Amino acid sequence: MKKICFVLLLLIVSISCNQEQKKEQDTTTEIVTPPKAPPIRKEFGYNLNAYQVIKDTIRRGDSFGAILDSHGIATARVFEISNAIQDTFNVTKIRAGKPYTILKAKDTTAKAQVFVYQHNKIDYTVIDFTDSIITRKDKKPVTFVKKTASGTIESSLLKTFDDNDLSFLVAYKMADIYAWTIDFTRLQVGDQFKVMYTEKFIEDTIPAGIGEIKACFFEHHNKPIYAFKFEDDTINGTSDYFNDEAENLRRAFLKAPVKFSRISSRYNLKRRIKFYGNKIRPHKGTDFAAPRGTPILATADGTVTKSERKGGNGKYVKIRHNATYETQYLHMSKQAVKVGDYVEQGDVIGYIGMTGNTGGPHVCYRFWKNGKQVDPLREELPTSKPLDEGLRPAFYEYIKPLKITLDSIPFNIKDINLTSHDTTED
């Protein structure tokens, strides 16, 4: 009897425990992890998650009105928007190839509410017509990353940049800086350069071109030439490039009327030509060979006195710079200026061609001094005014750390990243 009672007691306890465990299981709350919200995508000052986003490119023949009409904006509303923003944004000026973005309501109406026109990678205009019509011009956040590069010339400046996987834009900017002091058609193997510059990035990651060259060094024909950018006009806030002795690198005349060309024939008063029986046929110009269509640049400021086609000259332009100097540019495929135009140094005045007496595409560059044709490569051409004496102490102090950095850069080391979060070009 006692055994039976003990078994019954164990059975009761077991049933009771099972009921308690079941009760505990029934009251346990299941923990559910909520789904993660999508990351916020922001652009142009808007949360893109809140809109239907349409990104496209202006096509030839597109108009502002036609684009909005295709997204459900009535003609009367387009007219109202165009009138309201005309002082800020001229809708007739949109250009084929430019990207644009339309933000549409995320509901059944899918109504267009915002139009964004991108002028370039950085600048854009926002037209918001959700309710009232609001327009604003803005820029994408840009980071300026300081970089350096160096190289040794083996054939040409562009080839060296290409071999070192460097940006051609830096090469072009360097060529502009030294355009008055270095003849890039006569670089020697072994010439060397170093450069400090900034590269622009949108939102830290998207390349947006080259900023400025702050300082550079070029050893040409074993002669070192430094260049430092410095604000020489504090009233107008303009800058120029000076060497380490505060001399302005700018000259009254460029060394050549074509960038990165080669001299195919020099000024030579005793030249003999077999075709003419080996007789002396003086060549009073300097020929710069380049591909057809290459821009020809005015080597100095002046007024166009001739722009015509004539005999062996072919199509040509002549410029009077002052009472002393004139220049002439022959064999163009076409001229880009007319008589009476005032041109500035570096302006495009025509394009390389083969008109007139010529055996290949080039420009024959002729140079007059006091009415007599001379060899421009042998002339001591006038320079721009040097840095004001009062600014020199500040200049020497400013360039001191830049020169130390330049001198410490080894040759042929490219794109050394000096800083990754410099948001200004100071």
Protein backbone atom coordinates (compact mmCIF):
# COMPACT_ATOMS: atom_id res chain seq x y z
CA MET A 1 0.00 0.00 0.00
CA LYS A 2 2.82 2.36 0.83
CA LYS A 3 4.45 1.59 -2.52
CA ILE A 4 1.25 2.41 -4.38
CA CYS A 5 0.90 5.73 -2.55
CA PHE A 6 4.53 6.64 -3.34
CA VAL A 7 4.03 5.90 -7.06
CA LEU A 8 0.85 7.96 -7.12
CA LEU A 9 2.70 10.87 -5.46
CA LEU A 10 5.50 10.75 -8.08
CA LEU A 11 2.93 10.70 -10.85
CA ILE A 12 1.14 13.76 -9.45
CA VAL A 13 4.42 15.67 -9.08
CA SER A 14 5.48 14.77 -12.66
CA ILE A 15 2.15 15.91 -14.12
CA SER A 16 2.35 19.16 -12.15
CA CYS A 17 5.92 19.87 -13.41
CA ASN A 18 4.93 19.22 -17.02
CA GLN A 19 2.01 21.64 -16.70
CA GLU A 20 4.31 24.32 -15.24
CA GLN A 21 6.83 23.87 -18.09
CA LYS A 22 4.03 24.12 -20.66
CA LYS A 23 2.71 27.26 -18.97
CA GLU A 24 6.19 28.79 -19.08
CA GLN A 25 6.54 27.91 -22.77
CA ASP A 26 3.12 29.38 -23.53
CA THR A 27 4.02 32.69 -21.84
CA THR A 28 7.45 33.07 -23.52
CA THR A 29 7.45 36.16 -25.88
CA GLU A 30 9.02 35.56 -29.30
CA ILE A 31 11.60 38.28 -30.12
CA VAL A 32 11.31 39.45 -33.75
CA THR A 33 14.08 41.60 -35.24
CA PRO A 34 12.52 44.39 -37.32
CA PRO A 35 13.86 44.76 -40.88
CA LYS A 36 16.57 47.37 -41.30
CA ALA A 37 15.46 50.64 -42.83
CA PRO A 38 17.12 51.31 -46.21
CA PRO A 39 20.09 53.71 -46.01
CA ILE A 40 19.21 57.33 -46.63
CA ARG A 41 20.32 58.45 -50.09
CA LYS A 42 20.82 62.20 -50.20
CA GLU A 43 21.61 64.29 -53.25
CA PHE A 44 20.96 67.91 -54.23
CA GLY A 45 19.67 68.49 -50.68
CA TYR A 46 16.86 65.91 -50.95
CA ASN A 47 16.25 62.50 -49.38
CA LEU A 48 15.95 60.45 -52.56
CA ASN A 49 14.19 57.61 -50.69
CA ALA A 50 11.12 59.84 -50.50
CA TYR A 51 10.80 60.15 -54.31
CA GLN A 52 10.73 58.24 -57.54
CA VAL A 53 14.07 59.27 -59.03
CA ILE A 54 14.46 59.71 -62.80
CA LYS A 55 17.99 60.36 -64.08
CA ASP A 56 18.52 61.14 -67.76
CA THR A 57 20.53 63.23 -70.21
CA ILE A 58 19.42 66.13 -72.39
CA ARG A 59 19.19 64.92 -75.98
CA ARG A 60 19.49 66.94 -79.17
CA GLY A 61 16.15 68.62 -79.79
CA ASP A 62 14.98 68.33 -76.17
CA SER A 63 13.47 71.36 -74.46
CA PHE A 64 12.65 72.12 -70.84
CA GLY A 65 8.94 72.15 -71.65
CA ALA A 66 9.02 68.87 -73.58
CA ILE A 67 10.88 67.12 -70.75
CA LEU A 68 8.40 68.27 -68.10
CA ASP A 69 5.46 67.49 -70.38
CA SER A 70 6.71 63.91 -70.75
CA HIS A 71 6.53 63.64 -66.96
CA GLY A 72 2.96 64.89 -66.66
CA ILE A 73 3.41 68.66 -66.16
CA ALA A 74 0.76 70.61 -68.07
CA THR A 75 1.78 73.27 -70.60
CA ALA A 76 0.26 76.08 -68.51
CA ARG A 77 2.27 74.99 -65.46
CA VAL A 78 5.48 74.75 -67.53
CA PHE A 79 4.89 78.31 -68.75
CA GLU A 80 4.32 79.47 -65.16
CA ILE A 81 7.55 77.76 -63.98
CA SER A 82 9.63 79.16 -66.86
CA ASN A 83 8.45 82.73 -66.18
CA ALA A 84 9.01 82.45 -62.42
CA ILE A 85 12.65 81.30 -62.75
CA GLN A 86 13.80 83.34 -65.77
CA ASP A 87 16.06 85.61 -63.67
CA THR A 88 17.84 82.60 -62.16
CA PHE A 89 17.76 79.97 -64.89
CA ASN A 90 17.17 80.47 -68.61
CA VAL A 91 15.37 77.29 -69.69
CA THR A 92 16.34 77.89 -73.36
CA LYS A 93 20.01 77.44 -72.44
CA ILE A 94 19.87 73.75 -71.56
CA ARG A 95 22.40 71.86 -73.66
CA ALA A 96 22.48 68.38 -75.18
CA GLY A 97 24.69 66.00 -73.22
CA LYS A 98 24.02 67.58 -69.82
CA PRO A 99 22.54 65.26 -67.15
CA TYR A 100 19.32 66.06 -65.32
CA THR A 101 17.30 64.52 -62.49
CA ILE A 102 13.54 64.57 -61.91
CA LEU A 103 12.05 63.77 -58.51
CA LYS A 104 8.47 62.46 -58.64
CA ALA A 105 5.94 61.83 -55.90
CA LYS A 106 5.94 58.29 -54.51
CA ASP A 107 2.18 57.89 -54.74
CA THR A 108 -0.35 56.97 -57.37
CA THR A 109 -0.11 60.41 -58.99
CA ALA A 110 3.64 60.01 -59.68
CA LYS A 111 3.65 63.79 -60.11
CA ALA A 112 6.95 65.48 -61.00
CA GLN A 113 7.96 67.88 -58.23
CA VAL A 114 11.64 68.77 -58.73
CA PHE A 115 13.87 69.28 -61.79
CA VAL A 116 17.68 69.38 -61.31
CA TYR A 117 19.96 70.50 -64.18
CA GLN A 118 23.66 69.69 -63.84
CA HIS A 119 25.87 72.30 -65.51
CA ASN A 120 28.96 70.18 -64.84
CA LYS A 121 30.12 67.59 -62.32
CA ILE A 122 29.97 70.14 -59.49
CA ASP A 123 27.49 72.94 -60.28
CA TYR A 124 23.75 72.39 -60.57
CA THR A 125 20.44 74.27 -60.52
CA VAL A 126 17.39 73.03 -58.59
CA ILE A 127 13.84 73.96 -59.66
CA ASP A 128 11.31 72.86 -57.03
CA PHE A 129 7.66 73.26 -58.07
CA THR A 130 6.06 70.97 -55.48
CA ASP A 131 3.83 73.82 -54.32
CA SER A 132 5.28 77.27 -54.86
CA ILE A 133 8.11 77.61 -57.39
CA ILE A 134 11.57 77.78 -55.83
CA THR A 135 14.90 77.77 -57.66
CA ARG A 136 18.47 77.76 -56.37
CA LYS A 137 21.99 77.27 -57.68
CA ASP A 138 24.28 75.06 -55.67
CA LYS A 139 27.45 72.94 -55.74
CA LYS A 140 28.17 69.38 -54.77
CA PRO A 141 30.59 69.09 -51.83
CA VAL A 142 34.14 69.02 -53.17
CA THR A 143 37.27 67.73 -51.46
CA PHE A 144 40.67 68.99 -52.60
CA VAL A 145 43.38 66.38 -52.23
CA LYS A 146 46.96 67.63 -52.32
CA LYS A 147 49.23 65.57 -54.54
CA THR A 148 52.71 65.62 -56.02
CA ALA A 149 54.25 64.01 -59.08
CA SER A 150 57.61 63.95 -60.79
CA GLY A 151 59.23 62.55 -63.90
CA THR A 152 62.18 62.50 -66.27
CA ILE A 153 61.67 63.33 -69.95
CA GLU A 154 62.47 60.52 -72.37
CA SER A 155 60.78 61.91 -75.48
CA SER A 156 58.05 64.47 -74.67
CA LEU A 157 56.16 65.84 -71.69
CA LEU A 158 52.89 64.12 -72.64
CA LYS A 159 54.63 60.78 -73.26
CA THR A 160 56.28 61.00 -69.84
CA PHE A 161 52.95 61.71 -68.16
CA ASP A 162 51.38 58.81 -70.03
CA ASP A 163 54.21 56.43 -69.09
CA ASN A 164 53.81 57.39 -65.42
CA ASP A 165 50.00 57.13 -65.54
CA LEU A 166 49.63 60.81 -64.63
CA SER A 167 46.79 63.15 -65.64
CA PHE A 168 47.29 65.01 -68.93
CA LEU A 169 45.46 67.94 -67.32
CA VAL A 170 48.46 68.46 -65.02
CA ALA A 171 50.77 68.41 -68.05
CA TYR A 172 48.65 71.04 -69.83
CA LYS A 173 48.60 73.27 -66.74
CA MET A 174 52.38 72.96 -66.39
CA ALA A 175 52.80 73.83 -70.06
CA ASP A 176 50.71 76.97 -69.52
CA ILE A 177 52.86 78.01 -66.54
CA TYR A 178 56.13 77.59 -68.44
CA ALA A 179 54.80 78.66 -71.85
CA TRP A 180 56.89 81.85 -71.77
CA THR A 181 60.14 80.38 -70.45
CA ILE A 182 60.39 76.82 -71.86
CA ASP A 183 60.11 75.81 -75.51
CA PHE A 184 58.31 72.46 -75.19
CA THR A 185 59.24 71.62 -78.79
CA ARG A 186 62.90 71.48 -77.71
CA LEU A 187 62.81 69.41 -74.53
CA GLN A 188 65.89 67.25 -74.02
CA VAL A 189 66.09 63.66 -72.86
CA GLY A 190 66.93 63.90 -69.18
CA ASP A 191 64.97 67.10 -68.47
CA GLN A 192 63.12 66.62 -65.18
CA PHE A 193 60.08 68.03 -63.41
CA LYS A 194 58.31 68.01 -60.04
CA VAL A 195 54.86 69.40 -59.38
CA MET A 196 52.57 70.05 -56.39
CA TYR A 197 48.89 70.21 -57.29
CA THR A 198 45.38 69.55 -56.02
CA GLU A 199 42.90 67.07 -57.42
CA LYS A 200 39.16 67.57 -56.93
CA PHE A 201 36.80 64.86 -55.72
CA ILE A 202 33.02 65.05 -55.34
CA GLU A 203 31.85 63.59 -52.04
CA ASP A 204 35.40 62.26 -51.47
CA THR A 205 35.22 59.57 -54.17
CA ILE A 206 34.23 60.87 -57.62
CA PRO A 207 37.12 62.47 -59.58
CA ALA A 208 36.21 65.98 -60.74
CA GLY A 209 39.38 67.25 -62.39
CA ILE A 210 42.52 69.09 -61.39
CA GLY A 211 42.38 72.10 -59.07
CA GLU A 212 45.47 74.30 -59.16
CA ILE A 213 49.22 73.89 -59.40
CA LYS A 214 50.64 75.49 -56.29
CA ALA A 215 54.31 75.04 -57.14
CA CYS A 216 56.49 73.22 -59.64
CA PHE A 217 60.09 72.73 -60.71
CA PHE A 218 61.45 72.10 -64.20
CA GLU A 219 65.09 71.37 -64.99
CA HIS A 220 65.49 72.27 -68.66
CA HIS A 221 68.88 72.17 -70.43
CA ASN A 222 70.39 71.72 -66.92
CA LYS A 223 68.81 74.99 -65.82
CA PRO A 224 66.45 74.75 -62.80
CA ILE A 225 63.28 76.85 -63.06
CA TYR A 226 60.97 77.08 -60.05
CA ALA A 227 57.37 78.33 -60.30
CA PHE A 228 55.26 79.40 -57.32
CA LYS A 229 51.70 80.70 -57.54
CA PHE A 230 51.35 83.92 -55.56
CA GLU A 231 48.72 86.65 -55.28
CA ASP A 232 50.48 89.70 -56.73
CA ASP A 233 47.39 91.94 -56.96
CA THR A 234 45.72 92.05 -53.55
CA ILE A 235 43.12 94.61 -54.71
CA ASN A 236 41.72 92.46 -57.54
CA GLY A 237 42.73 89.16 -55.96
CA THR A 238 44.70 87.94 -59.01
CA SER A 239 47.69 85.61 -58.93
CA ASP A 240 50.63 84.80 -61.17
CA TYR A 241 53.62 82.45 -61.17
CA PHE A 242 57.06 83.62 -60.04
CA ASN A 243 60.42 81.88 -59.77
CA ASP A 244 62.37 81.58 -56.52
CA GLU A 245 63.89 85.04 -57.12
CA ALA A 246 60.44 86.70 -57.40
CA GLU A 247 60.75 87.12 -61.19
CA ASN A 248 57.52 86.82 -63.16
CA LEU A 249 57.55 83.78 -65.47
CA ARG A 250 55.13 85.49 -67.83
CA ARG A 251 56.53 87.10 -70.97
CA ALA A 252 54.99 89.40 -73.55
CA PHE A 253 55.10 86.52 -76.08
CA LEU A 254 54.52 82.78 -75.86
CA LYS A 255 57.41 80.59 -77.00
CA ALA A 256 55.20 78.84 -79.57
CA PRO A 257 51.75 79.31 -81.16
CA VAL A 258 50.87 75.59 -80.75
CA LYS A 259 50.94 73.40 -77.64
CA PHE A 260 53.06 70.23 -77.73
CA SER A 261 54.02 70.54 -81.39
CA ARG A 262 57.47 70.06 -82.94
CA ILE A 263 59.58 72.42 -85.04
CA SER A 264 59.77 70.98 -88.55
CA SER A 265 61.68 73.88 -90.10
CA ARG A 266 63.55 76.78 -88.52
CA TYR A 267 64.14 80.39 -89.48
CA ASN A 268 67.01 80.18 -92.00
CA LEU A 269 68.07 82.94 -94.39
CA LYS A 270 70.55 80.61 -96.17
CA ARG A 271 68.24 77.66 -96.81
CA ARG A 272 68.78 75.83 -100.12
CA ILE A 273 66.05 73.72 -101.76
CA LYS A 274 66.80 70.97 -104.33
CA PHE A 275 63.43 71.47 -106.05
CA TYR A 276 64.54 75.01 -107.00
CA GLY A 277 67.98 73.94 -108.31
CA ASN A 278 69.61 74.11 -104.89
CA LYS A 279 69.23 77.88 -104.95
CA ILE A 280 69.02 79.90 -101.75
CA ARG A 281 65.39 80.34 -100.76
CA PRO A 282 65.32 82.11 -97.34
CA HIS A 283 62.82 80.76 -94.82
CA LYS A 284 61.77 83.68 -92.65
CA GLY A 285 59.41 81.72 -90.44
CA THR A 286 59.45 78.90 -87.92
CA ASP A 287 57.32 75.90 -88.84
CA PHE A 288 55.46 74.10 -86.05
CA ALA A 289 54.11 70.73 -87.22
CA ALA A 290 50.93 69.39 -85.63
CA PRO A 291 47.86 67.38 -86.69
CA ARG A 292 45.29 69.08 -88.91
CA GLY A 293 42.71 70.94 -86.80
CA THR A 294 45.07 71.65 -83.87
CA PRO A 295 44.27 75.11 -82.40
CA ILE A 296 46.70 77.93 -83.24
CA LEU A 297 47.16 80.46 -80.43
CA ALA A 298 47.92 84.18 -80.48
CA THR A 299 51.37 84.49 -78.90
CA ALA A 300 50.58 87.94 -77.47
CA ASP A 301 47.77 90.49 -77.08
CA GLY A 302 47.02 92.54 -80.16
CA THR A 303 44.68 93.55 -82.99
CA VAL A 304 44.06 91.40 -86.09
CA THR A 305 45.18 93.36 -89.18
CA LYS A 306 44.76 90.57 -91.76
CA SER A 307 42.65 87.41 -91.96
CA GLU A 308 42.53 86.18 -95.55
CA ARG A 309 43.73 83.65 -98.11
CA LYS A 310 46.57 84.69 -100.38
CA GLY A 311 48.92 82.73 -102.65
CA GLY A 312 51.53 80.55 -100.98
CA ASN A 313 50.49 81.79 -97.55
CA GLY A 314 47.18 80.01 -97.83
CA LYS A 315 44.73 81.04 -95.13
CA TYR A 316 46.52 83.21 -92.59
CA VAL A 317 46.16 85.73 -89.78
CA LYS A 318 48.39 88.70 -88.98
CA ILE A 319 48.36 90.52 -85.64
CA ARG A 320 49.82 93.90 -84.65
CA HIS A 321 50.83 93.80 -80.98
CA ASN A 322 52.25 97.32 -80.60
CA ALA A 323 54.42 99.79 -82.52
CA THR A 324 57.34 97.33 -82.37
CA TYR A 325 56.00 93.79 -82.84
CA GLU A 326 53.79 91.93 -85.33
CA THR A 327 53.19 88.21 -85.83
CA GLN A 328 51.78 86.13 -88.72
CA TYR A 329 50.37 82.59 -88.83
CA LEU A 330 50.22 80.80 -92.23
CA HIS A 331 48.65 77.69 -93.85
CA MET A 332 45.55 77.50 -91.63
CA SER A 333 42.67 75.17 -92.43
CA LYS A 334 40.42 78.00 -91.28
CA GLN A 335 40.67 81.26 -89.37
CA ALA A 336 38.83 81.89 -86.10
CA VAL A 337 39.14 85.71 -86.09
CA LYS A 338 38.47 88.59 -88.43
CA VAL A 339 40.15 91.93 -89.17
CA GLY A 340 39.67 94.39 -86.31
CA ASP A 341 39.26 91.74 -83.59
CA TYR A 342 41.27 92.28 -80.43
CA VAL A 343 42.81 89.03 -79.20
CA GLU A 344 44.52 88.14 -75.97
CA GLN A 345 47.55 85.95 -75.50
CA GLY A 346 46.53 82.30 -75.78
CA ASP A 347 43.28 82.95 -77.69
CA VAL A 348 42.57 80.51 -80.55
CA ILE A 349 42.93 82.43 -83.84
CA GLY A 350 42.77 79.50 -86.28
CA TYR A 351 43.51 75.83 -86.87
CA ILE A 352 46.40 73.86 -88.37
CA GLY A 353 45.93 73.06 -92.05
CA MET A 354 47.71 72.66 -95.40
CA THR A 355 46.52 75.65 -97.44
CA GLY A 356 49.02 77.45 -99.68
CA ASN A 357 52.51 76.08 -100.39
CA THR A 358 53.01 73.33 -97.83
CA GLY A 359 53.97 69.67 -97.83
CA GLY A 360 52.26 68.77 -94.56
CA PRO A 361 50.04 70.14 -91.79
CA HIS A 362 51.81 72.90 -89.87
CA VAL A 363 51.73 76.60 -89.05
CA CYS A 364 54.48 78.87 -90.35
CA TYR A 365 55.00 81.42 -87.57
CA ARG A 366 56.51 84.73 -88.66
CA PHE A 367 57.71 87.46 -86.35
CA TRP A 368 58.35 91.15 -87.10
CA LYS A 369 60.36 93.59 -85.00
CA ASN A 370 60.38 97.21 -86.16
CA GLY A 371 59.13 96.12 -89.59
CA LYS A 372 61.84 93.47 -90.11
CA GLN A 373 61.29 89.71 -89.94
CA VAL A 374 63.45 88.12 -87.25
CA ASP A 375 63.88 84.73 -85.55
CA PRO A 376 61.61 84.81 -82.47
CA LEU A 377 63.58 81.99 -80.81
CA ARG A 378 66.68 84.19 -80.74
CA GLU A 379 64.98 87.37 -79.59
CA GLU A 380 65.24 88.65 -76.02
CA LEU A 381 61.53 89.24 -75.62
CA PRO A 382 60.13 91.68 -73.05
CA THR A 383 58.97 90.27 -69.70
CA SER A 384 56.04 91.16 -67.50
CA LYS A 385 56.65 93.41 -64.54
CA PRO A 386 58.37 91.70 -61.58
CA LEU A 387 56.81 91.28 -58.17
CA ASP A 388 56.41 94.54 -56.27
CA GLU A 389 59.24 95.13 -53.79
CA GLY A 390 56.74 95.58 -50.96
CA LEU A 391 55.34 92.07 -51.50
CA ARG A 392 58.69 90.28 -51.67
CA PRO A 393 59.20 89.59 -47.94
CA ALA A 394 55.76 87.91 -47.79
CA PHE A 395 56.51 86.02 -51.01
CA TYR A 396 59.82 84.61 -49.74
CA GLU A 397 58.17 83.54 -46.48
CA TYR A 398 55.28 81.93 -48.38
CA ILE A 399 57.43 79.88 -50.76
CA LYS A 400 59.87 78.64 -48.10
CA PRO A 401 57.89 75.50 -47.08
CA LEU A 402 56.79 74.90 -50.70
CA LYS A 403 60.39 74.91 -51.90
CA ILE A 404 61.43 72.53 -49.09
CA THR A 405 58.65 70.14 -50.15
CA LEU A 406 59.57 70.39 -53.85
CA ASP A 407 63.25 69.76 -53.15
CA SER A 408 62.41 66.69 -51.08
CA ILE A 409 60.31 65.01 -53.81
CA PRO A 410 62.26 62.22 -55.51
CA PHE A 411 61.98 61.98 -59.28
CA ASN A 412 59.62 59.48 -60.91
CA ILE A 413 57.44 59.07 -57.82
CA LYS A 414 53.84 59.76 -58.81
CA ASP A 415 50.73 60.86 -56.96
CA ILE A 416 52.08 61.01 -53.42
CA ASN A 417 49.01 61.73 -51.31
CA LEU A 418 49.89 64.53 -48.89
CA THR A 419 46.47 64.85 -47.29
CA SER A 420 43.09 63.30 -47.92
CA HIS A 421 40.70 65.77 -46.33
CA ASP A 422 41.76 69.26 -47.34
CA THR A 423 38.54 71.07 -48.31
CA THR A 424 40.19 74.29 -49.50
CA GLU A 425 42.94 75.22 -51.89
CA ASP A 426 44.87 77.35 -49.43
